Structure formats: structure tokens, C-alpha cells
Amino acid sequence: MRLTLLNGPAAEPLALDDVKAHLRIDGDDDDALLASLITTSRTHIEVALGLALMTQTWRWQGDCWPRTGIVELMTRPLQSVERVAVLAADDTETLVTPADYIVEAGGQTARLVSRSGVWPAPGRRIGGIEIEFTAGYGDNPSDVPEPILQALKLLVAHWYEVRNPVHIGQMATRVPDTVSSLLAPYKVRRL
């Protein structure tokens, strides 16, 4: 299974001015650094939790259907499934129509299930199945849950203050526990 980001978010969930106010920075000298830290912090949180904070388009590629017949889309929250395609050996694609599968988006991970219980077999041995989907809390920063936004501000502030994560002879700097605590409710729990 491989995930590829097709279209990233149109904007970051935190505005530069909000971060500067949080850090009590008046000047513009560190604007490029802060913008980079906002993107890096968002990406860090998204990867750690399997989230898309702002609306993004992804492609899931698989070699074969899971044995259970259930495809789990690990980037959440799912907004919509745009395309499910099976590729033949000559790279021609056959679209699976939305009437042929069920999308379950309410759980910790979104799932696709074939209505008949059988998915069409891909002809390509590698990457023969493609699913394109849109995930994210929404297009606006106000769509992102407030605890995640607060964790994002704290992570940006932490990385702004601790520019060198490893000092010779010292332990590596950890993400502050407050950030982890704010994000804990959004972590996927596996049984």
C-alpha cells in the first residue's frame, strides 16, 4: 500500500500573524522561519496521527485487495471518495462505480467495502488498484478542532525556541508533553 499526496492544503491552519501574536513577536525578521515551522509542525502532527488538518487530496495505491475485502484509508477524516480504479496489465483502467461499494467514514479510519463482497482483480502486479479521496477537517482554519490548533501553536513555539534539537553530550529534545496531551484524543487506538 502506498499513499501519495496529490493536492496539499490551500492554506495552513495557523496564520503567520496568529503565531507571531502567540510568540509575542513584533518584527518581520523571522517570518520565513515561522512560516516554515508552521508547515513543519502541521506535517509532523498529520503524520504522527494519520490526519489531514485542512482539505487535501490523496491517492491510495495497492497491489491487491486486502484479504478481508475491506480497504482502510488511514488519512482521516474522510470527506469523499473521488475515484476507485483497477488497472489492467496494459495500464487501461476500469472504474469501480460508487454503487458497487460502501464508504464507511464514521470510525477512526475510513473503510471501503465491496457491496458484492468481491472486488475486480487488477491486471497489474504492482499498483493495480488506485483510490483517490479527499480528507481533512475542512477548507478553513476554524474547521480544525481547537485542541489541535493549540497543540500546533505550542509545537511551533517549541521549535522556534529550541532550534538545535540535539546538543553534543545531551539527550535529544522531545516534543513537549502538553502537545502530546492535547493530541491524545485524536490518536488512533488499535486493539
Protein backbone atom coordinates (compact mmCIF):
# COMPACT_ATOMS: atom_id res chain seq x y z
CA MET A 1 0.00 0.00 0.00
CA ARG A 2 1.26 3.46 -0.87
CA LEU A 3 -0.21 6.88 -0.12
CA THR A 4 0.58 9.84 -2.36
CA LEU A 5 -0.45 13.42 -1.69
CA LEU A 6 -2.00 14.78 -4.90
CA ASN A 7 -3.11 18.23 -3.71
CA GLY A 8 -1.93 19.66 -0.43
CA PRO A 9 -3.88 22.12 1.65
CA ALA A 10 -4.63 25.51 0.06
CA ALA A 11 -3.69 27.22 3.33
CA GLU A 12 -2.15 26.41 6.67
CA PRO A 13 -4.40 26.01 9.73
CA LEU A 14 -2.44 28.75 11.52
CA ALA A 15 -1.89 32.22 10.13
CA LEU A 16 1.55 33.77 10.49
CA ASP A 17 0.06 36.71 12.41
CA ASP A 18 -1.56 34.33 14.92
CA VAL A 19 1.75 32.58 15.55
CA LYS A 20 3.57 35.91 15.91
CA ALA A 21 0.95 37.07 18.44
CA HIS A 22 1.30 33.79 20.34
CA LEU A 23 5.09 34.19 20.45
CA ARG A 24 4.86 37.96 21.07
CA ILE A 25 6.98 38.78 18.04
CA ASP A 26 6.60 42.27 16.54
CA GLY A 27 9.16 42.30 13.73
CA ASP A 28 9.25 40.57 10.37
CA ASP A 29 12.80 39.18 10.58
CA ASP A 30 11.69 35.61 11.36
CA ASP A 31 8.63 35.44 9.10
CA ALA A 32 10.18 32.89 6.70
CA LEU A 33 11.35 30.72 9.62
CA LEU A 34 7.94 30.88 11.30
CA ALA A 35 6.12 30.01 8.06
CA SER A 36 8.42 27.01 7.66
CA LEU A 37 7.80 25.95 11.28
CA ILE A 38 4.02 26.18 10.78
CA THR A 39 4.22 23.83 7.77
CA THR A 40 6.67 21.51 9.51
CA SER A 41 4.55 21.35 12.67
CA ARG A 42 1.36 20.68 10.70
CA THR A 43 3.09 17.91 8.76
CA HIS A 44 4.53 16.42 11.95
CA ILE A 45 1.08 16.25 13.57
CA GLU A 46 -0.58 14.89 10.43
CA VAL A 47 1.97 12.11 10.01
CA ALA A 48 2.01 11.21 13.71
CA LEU A 49 -1.79 10.93 13.89
CA GLY A 50 -2.79 9.95 10.35
CA LEU A 51 -4.73 13.19 9.98
CA ALA A 52 -5.27 15.76 7.28
CA LEU A 53 -5.91 19.02 9.10
CA MET A 54 -7.01 21.03 6.08
CA THR A 55 -8.66 19.67 2.90
CA GLN A 56 -6.22 17.56 0.86
CA THR A 57 -6.49 15.06 -2.00
CA TRP A 58 -4.70 11.70 -1.71
CA ARG A 59 -4.17 8.57 -3.80
CA TRP A 60 -4.10 5.13 -2.17
CA GLN A 61 -2.39 2.50 -4.33
CA GLY A 62 -2.35 -1.20 -3.68
CA ASP A 63 -1.07 -4.29 -5.44
CA CYS A 64 -4.05 -6.40 -4.44
CA TRP A 65 -7.20 -6.05 -2.40
CA PRO A 66 -6.85 -6.80 1.33
CA ARG A 67 -7.80 -10.39 2.24
CA THR A 68 -10.68 -9.06 4.32
CA GLY A 69 -12.06 -7.20 1.30
CA ILE A 70 -12.05 -4.03 3.39
CA VAL A 71 -9.81 -1.17 2.31
CA GLU A 72 -8.77 1.13 5.17
CA LEU A 73 -7.91 4.69 4.22
CA MET A 74 -5.59 5.76 7.01
CA THR A 75 -5.65 9.51 6.30
CA ARG A 76 -8.63 10.99 8.10
CA PRO A 77 -11.16 12.50 8.43
CA LEU A 78 -12.51 11.34 5.08
CA GLN A 79 -14.58 13.89 3.16
CA SER A 80 -15.23 11.94 -0.04
CA VAL A 81 -14.01 9.22 -2.40
CA GLU A 82 -13.48 10.60 -5.90
CA ARG A 83 -12.29 7.55 -7.81
CA VAL A 84 -11.76 3.81 -7.40
CA ALA A 85 -9.95 2.24 -10.35
CA VAL A 86 -8.47 -1.13 -11.22
CA LEU A 87 -5.63 -1.17 -13.75
CA ALA A 88 -5.13 -3.85 -16.39
CA ALA A 89 -1.71 -5.16 -17.44
CA ASP A 90 -1.68 -2.63 -20.32
CA ASP A 91 -2.44 0.24 -17.85
CA THR A 92 -6.01 0.74 -19.04
CA GLU A 93 -8.25 1.46 -16.11
CA THR A 94 -11.68 0.23 -15.16
CA LEU A 95 -13.58 2.45 -12.77
CA VAL A 96 -15.49 0.88 -9.93
CA THR A 97 -18.74 2.81 -9.64
CA PRO A 98 -19.85 4.24 -6.27
CA ALA A 99 -22.91 1.96 -6.48
CA ASP A 100 -20.55 -1.05 -6.21
CA TYR A 101 -19.01 -0.13 -2.86
CA ILE A 102 -19.90 1.25 0.54
CA VAL A 103 -17.92 4.03 2.22
CA GLU A 104 -17.86 3.97 6.00
CA ALA A 105 -16.34 7.22 7.22
CA GLY A 106 -17.57 7.42 10.80
CA GLY A 107 -14.92 5.38 12.60
CA GLN A 108 -11.30 6.01 13.45
CA THR A 109 -10.36 5.04 9.88
CA ALA A 110 -12.48 5.29 6.76
CA ARG A 111 -13.28 2.00 5.09
CA LEU A 112 -14.39 0.91 1.63
CA VAL A 113 -16.28 -2.36 1.28
CA SER A 114 -17.47 -4.02 -1.92
CA ARG A 115 -21.26 -4.39 -1.92
CA SER A 116 -20.98 -7.80 -3.60
CA GLY A 117 -18.12 -8.92 -1.35
CA VAL A 118 -15.79 -9.23 -4.36
CA TRP A 119 -13.59 -6.53 -5.86
CA PRO A 120 -12.46 -6.73 -9.51
CA ALA A 121 -8.96 -8.20 -9.82
CA PRO A 122 -6.19 -5.90 -11.03
CA GLY A 123 -4.17 -6.94 -14.08
CA ARG A 124 -1.02 -5.11 -12.98
CA ARG A 125 1.05 -6.84 -10.31
CA ILE A 126 2.25 -3.58 -8.75
CA GLY A 127 -0.03 -0.63 -8.07
CA GLY A 128 -3.00 -2.18 -9.86
CA ILE A 129 -5.56 -0.55 -7.56
CA GLU A 130 -5.97 3.21 -7.15
CA ILE A 131 -8.33 5.07 -4.84
CA GLU A 132 -8.40 8.86 -4.88
CA PHE A 133 -10.02 10.56 -1.92
CA THR A 134 -10.32 13.89 -0.16
CA ALA A 135 -9.58 14.14 3.55
CA GLY A 136 -9.37 16.92 6.11
CA TYR A 137 -11.45 18.81 8.64
CA GLY A 138 -12.30 21.47 6.05
CA ASP A 139 -11.07 24.40 3.99
CA ASN A 140 -10.94 26.92 6.84
CA PRO A 141 -8.68 27.01 9.90
CA SER A 142 -11.82 27.31 12.04
CA ASP A 143 -12.79 23.78 10.88
CA VAL A 144 -9.78 22.27 12.69
CA PRO A 145 -10.53 21.28 16.31
CA GLU A 146 -9.26 23.87 18.80
CA PRO A 147 -7.07 21.41 20.79
CA ILE A 148 -5.16 20.57 17.59
CA LEU A 149 -4.69 24.27 16.78
CA GLN A 150 -3.39 24.87 20.30
CA ALA A 151 -1.00 21.92 20.02
CA LEU A 152 0.16 23.31 16.68
CA LYS A 153 0.90 26.73 18.25
CA LEU A 154 2.81 25.10 21.11
CA LEU A 155 4.84 22.93 18.73
CA VAL A 156 5.75 25.94 16.55
CA ALA A 157 6.77 27.84 19.71
CA HIS A 158 8.83 24.89 20.94
CA TRP A 159 10.72 24.52 17.67
CA TYR A 160 11.19 28.28 17.45
CA GLU A 161 12.82 28.33 20.90
CA VAL A 162 14.78 25.06 20.52
CA ARG A 163 16.47 25.50 17.17
CA ASN A 164 19.03 22.74 17.62
CA PRO A 165 17.25 19.53 18.65
CA VAL A 166 20.46 17.79 19.75
CA HIS A 167 23.24 19.38 21.75
CA ILE A 168 26.50 17.47 21.98
CA GLY A 169 26.54 15.48 25.21
CA GLN A 170 22.81 15.95 25.90
CA MET A 171 19.65 13.98 25.21
CA ALA A 172 17.61 14.86 22.11
CA THR A 173 14.86 17.39 22.76
CA ARG A 174 11.41 15.82 22.94
CA VAL A 175 8.10 17.23 21.83
CA PRO A 176 6.58 18.85 24.94
CA ASP A 177 4.17 16.65 26.92
CA THR A 178 1.49 19.36 26.65
CA VAL A 179 1.47 18.94 22.87
CA SER A 180 1.15 15.15 23.20
CA SER A 181 -1.65 15.52 25.76
CA LEU A 182 -3.64 17.86 23.52
CA LEU A 183 -3.30 15.45 20.60
CA ALA A 184 -4.03 12.24 22.55
CA PRO A 185 -7.80 12.20 21.83
CA TYR A 186 -7.08 12.23 18.09
CA LYS A 187 -4.72 9.25 18.13
CA VAL A 188 -6.00 6.05 16.51
CA ARG A 189 -6.23 3.26 19.04
CA ARG A 190 -5.72 -0.28 17.80
CA LEU A 191 -6.93 -3.34 19.68
